[in-house]
Amino acid sequence: MPASTTGQQSSSKSHQPRPPRLRAACNQCNVAKVKCTGEKTGCSRCISLNTECIYMESRVGKVQGIRTKRKKTHPESAPSDDGVSSQSNSTQIQDDDEDETEGRDRNRADTLISSLPSPKAHFPDSADQIGLQPWSPGSWSWNNELFTLDSNITSRYTGETGVSGSSEASSAQLPTSITASSVCTRLTEVECENIGNLTTAAAIQSLPTPIFTPSTARPPTFTTTSALPQPTTETMSIQRQQALAARNSKCVLALANMVITLENYLVSNLKVLDLIIASVRTVAEEMRRILQYQRESRDDRCMFLSTTIMYQVIELLEIGANAVFEKGLAEQGHAGPAEDFEDFTPKLGFGALSTFNAEEQRSMKIHVLRKECQNMEEVLAQLLALAKVGPNAGAPPLSEAEMEDKTKCFTGLQIRLKNLICKANLAL
């Protein structure tokens, strides 16, 4: 009796589960990739950081390899007289078998996954429905056999498929997912027991890569930009009228400025011939430019202001001419008490033979005056020609009565200019 009790105690001690071996470094130091002091109660780093120090089970020595079922090939041991010892022996043998099976299955899964080629596009046809073709690395696709482990596997994997593409290519289907349950249902019971975690590893590590098929390709879209709207004739005519109206307004402002300036000269009783000639030349140049603009659109305001300027210019020329004529009469002694009048004006001397006397200076002034009168006569002729055409280029031509009314106001200006030119010719 004491001997049996001692045997039971020794057998129970020998079959007690061993404490798991822990890592040399805790989780915190392992993640941080630093050296751990290794105290199981708490390393110095975790104590300083005030964190929980946990040691995971060490995986050293648990290298997976190809092992045979040596335990199963040996004959079963005879049952011992003690029921407790036989039960513990069977439990130990079962644990060892499970470890060997798990290591063998994992190694087989790694070998198969590394040998699998990259998936290629496969389109099912009639040949796939007739019979199974032998598996080869070059012709394998997701629609062929999943694993060729042995000759007992005869079922064909037909997983879930997703319809891709439009209505024209609705028949082209590709597998979209592989699960452990769908694989195990098509394998034998023996292989399902042996394969262990193989299906899970295959489902995770051998997911299908995206495959480009003609059905999924979208047709190229062409974006056409609408042509710019072409301006119509009506729009162009409106824009042209607006541009002409703006230019007419500028002409009116320029003519009004000249009217104000010339009127100030008349109010100040300007009699200096040099200033009058300079002002008349400037006015003539500006008038020619404005009349050139008025050929396209004749504005009545511009015509009236131009007529006013012509009256002012002729009046200034008459004032300057009268001053020259009166001065010439005074020099000739026809002015009465001014017989002993002497000319003290400075003479322009460019040598003994080039000195201008009073008579030569008077002749030069009259010549310049006559030239400016002829210049303004040309400007008046242009203004008269525009008045005869009418207000607009597209308007009907004026009748003889209307044309006569338009030219009446210019008749007096023409007469005054001709008389002034005749006086200048007689004074030379």
Protein backbone atom coordinates (compact mmCIF):
# COMPACT_ATOMS: atom_id res chain seq x y z
CA MET A 1 0.00 0.00 0.00
CA PRO A 2 2.71 2.55 0.73
CA ALA A 3 4.50 1.57 -2.46
CA SER A 4 1.45 2.30 -4.60
CA THR A 5 0.94 5.64 -2.94
CA THR A 6 4.53 6.61 -3.65
CA GLY A 7 4.14 5.60 -7.33
CA GLN A 8 1.03 7.70 -7.73
CA GLN A 9 2.75 10.75 -6.27
CA SER A 10 5.80 10.34 -8.53
CA SER A 11 3.67 9.87 -11.65
CA SER A 12 1.51 12.91 -10.84
CA LYS A 13 4.62 15.02 -10.35
CA SER A 14 6.17 13.86 -13.63
CA HIS A 15 3.03 14.71 -15.65
CA GLN A 16 2.34 18.10 -14.12
CA PRO A 17 2.35 20.90 -16.79
CA ARG A 18 5.63 22.70 -16.95
CA PRO A 19 5.58 26.48 -16.36
CA PRO A 20 5.85 28.36 -19.67
CA ARG A 21 9.19 29.88 -20.56
CA LEU A 22 9.00 33.67 -20.76
CA ARG A 23 10.88 36.07 -22.96
CA ALA A 24 14.04 37.74 -21.76
CA ALA A 25 12.56 41.19 -22.49
CA CYS A 26 9.18 42.54 -21.52
CA ASN A 27 6.62 43.80 -24.05
CA GLN A 28 7.45 47.48 -23.49
CA CYS A 29 11.21 47.00 -24.05
CA ASN A 30 10.59 44.66 -26.98
CA VAL A 31 8.41 47.22 -28.78
CA ALA A 32 10.89 50.04 -28.04
CA LYS A 33 13.82 47.85 -29.21
CA VAL A 34 15.84 48.55 -26.06
CA LYS A 35 17.69 46.28 -23.65
CA CYS A 36 15.56 44.99 -20.78
CA THR A 37 16.97 44.23 -17.32
CA GLY A 38 14.74 41.11 -17.16
CA GLU A 39 13.29 41.31 -13.65
CA LYS A 40 10.05 39.33 -13.68
CA THR A 41 8.57 41.50 -10.97
CA GLY A 42 9.16 44.56 -13.14
CA CYS A 43 12.17 45.81 -15.12
CA SER A 44 13.87 49.09 -14.33
CA ARG A 45 12.52 50.80 -17.47
CA CYS A 46 8.88 49.92 -16.74
CA ILE A 47 9.31 50.97 -13.11
CA SER A 48 10.77 54.33 -14.16
CA LEU A 49 8.01 54.85 -16.74
CA ASN A 50 5.36 53.59 -14.29
CA THR A 51 3.99 51.12 -16.85
CA GLU A 52 2.81 47.52 -16.57
CA CYS A 53 5.67 45.04 -17.10
CA ILE A 54 4.40 41.92 -18.88
CA TYR A 55 6.50 39.04 -20.27
CA MET A 56 5.10 37.01 -23.15
CA GLU A 57 5.72 33.30 -23.64
CA SER A 58 8.97 32.59 -25.44
CA ARG A 59 8.74 30.96 -28.89
CA VAL A 60 12.40 29.93 -28.93
CA GLY A 61 12.79 26.21 -29.68
CA LYS A 62 9.33 25.90 -31.27
CA VAL A 63 10.61 25.86 -34.83
CA GLN A 64 8.10 24.28 -37.17
CA GLY A 65 9.46 21.46 -39.28
CA ILE A 66 8.45 18.32 -41.18
CA ARG A 67 7.82 15.55 -38.71
CA THR A 68 6.42 12.10 -39.20
CA LYS A 69 3.77 10.51 -37.08
CA ARG A 70 6.15 8.48 -35.01
CA LYS A 71 3.80 8.37 -32.11
CA LYS A 72 1.03 6.84 -34.22
CA THR A 73 3.25 4.16 -35.84
CA HIS A 74 4.28 2.71 -32.45
CA PRO A 75 1.93 0.14 -30.96
CA GLU A 76 -0.35 1.32 -28.29
CA SER A 77 0.97 0.72 -24.82
CA ALA A 78 -0.85 -1.76 -22.61
CA PRO A 79 -3.10 -0.26 -20.02
CA SER A 80 -1.48 -0.14 -16.63
CA ASP A 81 -2.97 -1.44 -13.53
CA ASP A 82 -3.45 2.08 -12.33
CA GLY A 83 -6.18 3.98 -14.22
CA VAL A 84 -4.72 7.37 -13.39
CA SER A 85 -1.33 6.63 -14.97
CA SER A 86 -2.87 5.33 -18.24
CA GLN A 87 -5.10 8.38 -18.58
CA SER A 88 -2.14 10.75 -18.09
CA ASN A 89 -0.07 8.86 -20.68
CA SER A 90 -2.84 9.10 -23.27
CA THR A 91 -3.25 12.80 -22.60
CA GLN A 92 0.47 13.41 -23.13
CA ILE A 93 0.49 11.43 -26.38
CA GLN A 94 -2.52 13.37 -27.70
CA ASP A 95 -0.83 16.71 -26.93
CA ASP A 96 2.34 15.63 -28.71
CA ASP A 97 0.32 14.54 -31.75
CA GLU A 98 -1.48 17.86 -31.93
CA ASP A 99 1.83 19.76 -31.76
CA GLU A 100 3.35 17.67 -34.53
CA THR A 101 0.24 17.99 -36.71
CA GLU A 102 0.13 21.72 -36.25
CA GLY A 103 3.82 22.14 -37.12
CA ARG A 104 3.53 19.88 -40.19
CA ASP A 105 0.41 21.68 -41.47
CA ARG A 106 1.95 25.11 -41.04
CA ASN A 107 5.10 24.07 -42.84
CA ARG A 108 3.00 22.62 -45.68
CA ALA A 109 1.00 25.84 -45.93
CA ASP A 110 4.18 27.93 -46.16
CA THR A 111 5.57 25.63 -48.87
CA LEU A 112 2.40 25.75 -50.96
CA ILE A 113 1.95 29.51 -50.64
CA SER A 114 5.57 30.21 -51.66
CA SER A 115 5.23 27.95 -54.73
CA LEU A 116 1.98 29.46 -55.96
CA PRO A 117 2.41 31.77 -59.02
CA SER A 118 0.78 35.14 -59.27
CA PRO A 119 -2.86 34.96 -60.38
CA LYS A 120 -3.64 35.73 -64.00
CA ALA A 121 -6.82 36.68 -65.79
CA HIS A 122 -8.98 33.70 -66.67
CA PHE A 123 -12.26 33.72 -68.57
CA PRO A 124 -14.45 30.58 -68.19
CA ASP A 125 -15.41 28.76 -71.37
CA SER A 126 -16.90 25.46 -72.39
CA ALA A 127 -13.69 23.54 -71.65
CA ASP A 128 -13.97 24.41 -67.97
CA GLN A 129 -17.44 22.89 -67.81
CA ILE A 130 -16.50 19.59 -69.53
CA GLY A 131 -13.78 18.24 -67.26
CA LEU A 132 -10.94 19.03 -64.92
CA GLN A 133 -7.54 19.81 -66.39
CA PRO A 134 -4.31 18.82 -64.59
CA TRP A 135 -2.79 21.61 -62.56
CA SER A 136 0.42 23.26 -63.77
CA PRO A 137 2.15 26.44 -62.52
CA GLY A 138 1.84 28.17 -65.87
CA SER A 139 -1.88 27.55 -66.42
CA TRP A 140 -3.17 27.91 -62.86
CA SER A 141 -5.84 30.51 -62.16
CA TRP A 142 -8.43 31.19 -59.52
CA ASN A 143 -11.02 29.13 -61.38
CA ASN A 144 -8.83 25.95 -61.40
CA GLU A 145 -8.22 23.55 -58.51
CA LEU A 146 -7.36 25.32 -55.28
CA PHE A 147 -4.82 22.79 -53.85
CA THR A 148 -3.54 19.52 -55.35
CA LEU A 149 -2.54 17.81 -52.10
CA ASP A 150 -3.15 14.21 -53.16
CA SER A 151 -5.26 12.11 -55.50
CA ASN A 152 -8.15 11.96 -53.05
CA ILE A 153 -9.13 15.61 -53.71
CA THR A 154 -11.52 15.48 -56.65
CA SER A 155 -13.86 18.33 -55.86
CA ARG A 156 -13.60 21.56 -57.76
CA TYR A 157 -13.67 24.90 -55.99
CA THR A 158 -16.45 27.15 -57.16
CA GLY A 159 -16.31 30.15 -54.81
CA GLU A 160 -18.24 33.26 -54.74
CA THR A 161 -17.92 35.31 -57.89
CA GLY A 162 -18.64 38.94 -58.60
CA VAL A 163 -20.11 40.18 -61.82
CA SER A 164 -17.94 42.93 -63.24
CA GLY A 165 -18.47 45.20 -66.17
CA SER A 166 -21.57 46.47 -67.92
CA SER A 167 -24.58 44.64 -69.40
CA GLU A 168 -22.62 43.66 -72.52
CA ALA A 169 -20.05 41.64 -70.45
CA SER A 170 -22.28 40.29 -67.68
CA SER A 171 -21.10 36.69 -68.28
CA ALA A 172 -17.46 37.42 -67.29
CA GLN A 173 -17.17 36.50 -63.58
CA LEU A 174 -14.12 36.34 -61.32
CA PRO A 175 -13.77 34.99 -57.72
CA THR A 176 -13.94 37.73 -55.16
CA SER A 177 -13.42 35.94 -51.82
CA ILE A 178 -11.99 32.70 -50.40
CA THR A 179 -13.03 31.60 -46.92
CA ALA A 180 -11.95 28.71 -44.71
CA SER A 181 -15.48 27.30 -44.53
CA SER A 182 -15.93 27.14 -48.32
CA VAL A 183 -12.61 25.32 -48.72
CA CYS A 184 -13.21 22.81 -45.97
CA THR A 185 -16.64 21.84 -47.30
CA ARG A 186 -15.02 20.59 -50.52
CA LEU A 187 -12.24 18.51 -48.88
CA THR A 188 -12.44 15.09 -47.28
CA GLU A 189 -12.86 14.70 -43.55
CA VAL A 190 -9.36 13.28 -43.10
CA GLU A 191 -7.74 16.15 -44.93
CA CYS A 192 -9.82 18.73 -43.03
CA GLU A 193 -8.56 17.30 -39.79
CA ASN A 194 -4.97 17.23 -41.00
CA ILE A 195 -4.89 20.58 -42.63
CA GLY A 196 -5.54 22.48 -39.39
CA ASN A 197 -4.92 26.19 -39.92
CA LEU A 198 -3.90 25.78 -43.56
CA THR A 199 -7.13 27.13 -44.97
CA THR A 200 -6.99 30.19 -42.76
CA ALA A 201 -3.40 30.99 -43.77
CA ALA A 202 -4.22 30.47 -47.45
CA ALA A 203 -7.28 32.69 -47.23
CA ILE A 204 -5.28 35.48 -45.59
CA GLN A 205 -2.01 35.30 -47.52
CA SER A 206 -3.30 34.43 -51.01
CA LEU A 207 -5.92 37.08 -51.61
CA PRO A 208 -6.59 37.74 -55.32
CA THR A 209 -4.81 40.70 -56.80
CA PRO A 210 -6.78 43.22 -58.86
CA ILE A 211 -7.10 42.00 -62.45
CA PHE A 212 -7.66 44.32 -65.36
CA THR A 213 -10.28 42.98 -67.75
CA PRO A 214 -11.81 44.58 -70.85
CA SER A 215 -15.23 44.44 -69.19
CA THR A 216 -14.09 46.66 -66.31
CA ALA A 217 -12.37 49.19 -68.56
CA ARG A 218 -14.34 52.32 -68.99
CA PRO A 219 -14.62 53.77 -72.48
CA PRO A 220 -12.63 56.95 -72.96
CA THR A 221 -14.67 60.05 -72.50
CA PHE A 222 -14.11 62.94 -74.84
CA THR A 223 -14.87 66.40 -73.54
CA THR A 224 -15.80 68.76 -76.30
CA THR A 225 -15.71 72.43 -75.63
CA SER A 226 -18.38 74.42 -77.29
CA ALA A 227 -17.17 76.89 -79.85
CA LEU A 228 -17.12 80.51 -78.88
CA PRO A 229 -20.26 82.30 -79.97
CA GLN A 230 -19.69 84.31 -83.07
CA PRO A 231 -20.91 87.89 -82.87
CA THR A 232 -23.91 88.52 -85.07
CA THR A 233 -24.30 91.45 -87.39
CA GLU A 234 -26.77 93.03 -85.02
CA THR A 235 -24.33 92.80 -82.13
CA MET A 236 -21.53 94.21 -84.26
CA SER A 237 -23.69 97.11 -85.36
CA ILE A 238 -24.61 97.90 -81.76
CA GLN A 239 -20.97 97.82 -80.69
CA ARG A 240 -20.00 100.02 -83.62
CA GLN A 241 -22.66 102.55 -82.74
CA GLN A 242 -21.47 102.64 -79.14
CA ALA A 243 -17.87 103.19 -80.25
CA LEU A 244 -18.90 106.00 -82.62
CA ALA A 245 -20.99 107.65 -79.90
CA ALA A 246 -18.04 107.59 -77.50
CA ARG A 247 -15.76 109.11 -80.15
CA ASN A 248 -18.31 111.82 -80.97
CA SER A 249 -18.45 112.73 -77.29
CA LYS A 250 -14.66 113.13 -77.22
CA CYS A 251 -14.81 115.34 -80.31
CA VAL A 252 -17.49 117.50 -78.69
CA LEU A 253 -15.35 117.95 -75.56
CA ALA A 254 -12.29 118.90 -77.63
CA LEU A 255 -14.26 121.41 -79.71
CA ALA A 256 -15.88 122.90 -76.60
CA ASN A 257 -12.43 123.40 -75.05
CA MET A 258 -11.26 125.25 -78.18
CA VAL A 259 -14.40 127.42 -78.16
CA ILE A 260 -13.75 128.45 -74.56
CA THR A 261 -10.07 129.24 -75.21
CA LEU A 262 -10.74 131.35 -78.31
CA GLU A 263 -13.56 133.19 -76.57
CA ASN A 264 -11.18 134.10 -73.75
CA TYR A 265 -8.77 135.55 -76.33
CA LEU A 266 -11.56 137.67 -77.80
CA VAL A 267 -12.69 138.87 -74.38
CA SER A 268 -9.11 139.87 -73.46
CA ASN A 269 -8.86 141.91 -76.70
CA LEU A 270 -5.83 140.03 -77.98
CA LYS A 271 -4.06 142.00 -80.75
CA VAL A 272 -0.57 140.46 -80.82
CA LEU A 273 -0.23 138.91 -84.26
CA ASP A 274 2.31 136.27 -83.19
CA LEU A 275 -0.02 134.87 -80.52
CA ILE A 276 -2.97 134.95 -82.90
CA ILE A 277 -1.04 133.08 -85.61
CA ALA A 278 0.15 130.41 -83.13
CA SER A 279 -3.38 129.88 -81.82
CA VAL A 280 -4.87 129.67 -85.32
CA ARG A 281 -2.30 127.07 -86.41
CA THR A 282 -3.07 124.89 -83.41
CA VAL A 283 -6.82 125.18 -84.00
CA ALA A 284 -6.41 124.27 -87.70
CA GLU A 285 -4.47 121.10 -86.87
CA GLU A 286 -7.04 119.98 -84.30
CA MET A 287 -9.93 120.79 -86.65
CA ARG A 288 -8.46 118.63 -89.42
CA ARG A 289 -8.14 115.69 -87.04
CA ILE A 290 -11.69 116.02 -85.75
CA LEU A 291 -13.13 116.40 -89.25
CA GLN A 292 -11.27 113.23 -90.23
CA TYR A 293 -13.11 111.38 -87.44
CA GLN A 294 -16.43 112.90 -88.51
CA ARG A 295 -16.31 111.27 -91.93
CA GLU A 296 -17.73 108.01 -90.51
CA SER A 297 -20.40 109.56 -88.28
CA ARG A 298 -21.34 113.20 -88.65
CA ASP A 299 -22.65 114.61 -85.42
CA ASP A 300 -24.68 117.84 -85.49
CA ARG A 301 -23.10 119.01 -82.25
CA CYS A 302 -19.62 118.74 -83.77
CA MET A 303 -20.79 120.57 -86.89
CA PHE A 304 -22.27 123.46 -84.89
CA LEU A 305 -19.21 123.77 -82.64
CA SER A 306 -16.91 123.67 -85.68
CA THR A 307 -18.90 126.50 -87.25
CA THR A 308 -18.59 128.53 -84.04
CA ILE A 309 -14.82 127.99 -84.00
CA MET A 310 -14.57 129.19 -87.60
CA TYR A 311 -16.31 132.46 -86.66
CA GLN A 312 -13.94 132.95 -83.71
CA VAL A 313 -10.81 132.22 -85.79
CA ILE A 314 -11.81 134.61 -88.58
CA GLU A 315 -12.53 137.32 -86.04
CA LEU A 316 -9.08 136.88 -84.46
CA LEU A 317 -7.42 136.99 -87.89
CA GLU A 318 -9.25 140.19 -88.71
CA ILE A 319 -8.10 141.76 -85.43
CA GLY A 320 -4.48 140.80 -86.13
CA ALA A 321 -4.66 141.99 -89.73
CA ASN A 322 -6.14 145.36 -88.74
CA ALA A 323 -3.31 145.88 -86.25
CA VAL A 324 -0.72 145.27 -88.98
CA PHE A 325 -2.51 147.46 -91.49
CA GLU A 326 -2.92 150.35 -89.03
CA LYS A 327 0.71 150.15 -88.09
CA GLY A 328 1.73 150.31 -91.74
CA LEU A 329 -0.39 153.40 -92.34
CA ALA A 330 1.14 155.07 -89.30
CA GLU A 331 4.63 154.41 -90.61
CA GLN A 332 3.77 155.89 -94.01
CA GLY A 333 2.63 159.17 -92.41
CA HIS A 334 -1.08 158.89 -93.13
CA ALA A 335 -2.00 159.00 -89.47
CA GLY A 336 -1.62 162.82 -88.94
CA PRO A 337 0.57 163.84 -85.96
CA ALA A 338 2.80 160.73 -86.16
CA GLU A 339 5.02 162.06 -88.94
CA ASP A 340 8.14 162.14 -86.80
CA PHE A 341 7.50 158.59 -85.55
CA GLU A 342 10.68 156.52 -85.34
CA ASP A 343 10.81 152.76 -85.20
CA PHE A 344 12.74 151.58 -82.15
CA THR A 345 11.91 147.88 -82.55
CA PRO A 346 14.99 145.59 -82.49
CA LYS A 347 16.34 144.50 -85.85
CA LEU A 348 17.39 140.96 -86.67
CA GLY A 349 20.98 141.21 -87.87
CA PHE A 350 22.68 138.34 -89.66
CA GLY A 351 25.17 140.52 -91.46
CA ALA A 352 25.16 143.87 -93.26
CA LEU A 353 23.07 142.60 -96.16
CA SER A 354 20.55 140.64 -94.04
CA THR A 355 19.16 143.29 -91.73
CA PHE A 356 15.30 143.42 -91.69
CA ASN A 357 13.87 146.88 -91.62
CA ALA A 358 10.32 147.83 -90.62
CA GLU A 359 8.91 147.44 -94.12
CA GLU A 360 10.37 143.96 -94.53
CA GLN A 361 9.01 142.87 -91.15
CA ARG A 362 5.58 144.21 -92.09
CA SER A 363 5.66 142.32 -95.40
CA MET A 364 6.62 139.10 -93.59
CA LYS A 365 3.72 139.46 -91.13
CA ILE A 366 1.23 140.05 -93.93
CA HIS A 367 2.57 137.02 -95.80
CA VAL A 368 2.16 134.79 -92.74
CA LEU A 369 -1.33 136.19 -92.17
CA ARG A 370 -2.39 135.43 -95.72
CA LYS A 371 -1.00 131.89 -95.46
CA GLU A 372 -3.03 131.21 -92.31
CA CYS A 373 -6.16 132.60 -93.99
CA GLN A 374 -5.69 130.18 -96.87
CA ASN A 375 -5.15 127.36 -94.39
CA MET A 376 -8.44 128.11 -92.62
CA GLU A 377 -10.15 128.38 -96.00
CA GLU A 378 -9.20 124.73 -96.66
CA VAL A 379 -10.59 123.69 -93.27
CA LEU A 380 -13.83 125.51 -94.08
CA ALA A 381 -14.08 123.64 -97.41
CA GLN A 382 -13.80 120.29 -95.58
CA LEU A 383 -16.49 121.36 -93.12
CA LEU A 384 -18.75 122.41 -95.99
CA ALA A 385 -18.28 119.05 -97.75
CA LEU A 386 -19.31 117.16 -94.59
CA ALA A 387 -22.38 119.36 -94.17
CA LYS A 388 -23.55 118.53 -97.70
CA VAL A 389 -23.32 114.74 -97.16
CA GLY A 390 -25.76 114.56 -94.25
CA PRO A 391 -25.79 113.42 -90.65
CA ASN A 392 -25.01 109.70 -91.21
CA ALA A 393 -23.38 107.63 -93.94
CA GLY A 394 -26.37 105.28 -94.24
CA ALA A 395 -28.95 108.09 -94.35
CA PRO A 396 -30.52 109.10 -97.66
CA PRO A 397 -28.83 112.03 -99.46
CA LEU A 398 -30.06 115.56 -98.78
CA SER A 399 -32.33 117.31 -101.18
CA GLU A 400 -31.29 120.53 -102.90
CA ALA A 401 -33.36 122.64 -100.50
CA GLU A 402 -31.86 120.95 -97.45
CA MET A 403 -28.38 121.25 -98.87
CA GLU A 404 -28.88 124.95 -99.52
CA ASP A 405 -30.04 125.50 -95.95
CA LYS A 406 -27.00 123.66 -94.65
CA THR A 407 -24.54 125.74 -96.66
CA LYS A 408 -26.06 129.15 -95.98
CA CYS A 409 -24.28 129.57 -92.65
CA PHE A 410 -20.91 128.93 -94.33
CA THR A 411 -21.39 131.53 -97.05
CA GLY A 412 -20.63 134.45 -94.75
CA LEU A 413 -17.48 132.76 -93.50
CA GLN A 414 -16.23 132.20 -97.04
CA ILE A 415 -16.81 135.86 -97.95
CA ARG A 416 -14.98 137.15 -94.88
CA LEU A 417 -11.95 134.93 -95.54
CA LYS A 418 -11.78 136.00 -99.18
CA ASN A 419 -11.93 139.69 -98.24
CA LEU A 420 -9.14 139.21 -95.69
CA ILE A 421 -6.95 137.50 -98.27
CA CYS A 422 -7.57 140.31 -100.77
CA LYS A 423 -6.54 142.93 -98.18
CA ALA A 424 -3.36 141.03 -97.47
CA ASN A 425 -2.51 140.87 -101.16
CA LEU A 426 -3.07 144.61 -101.56
CA ALA A 427 -0.93 145.41 -98.53
CA LEU A 428 2.12 143.62 -99.92
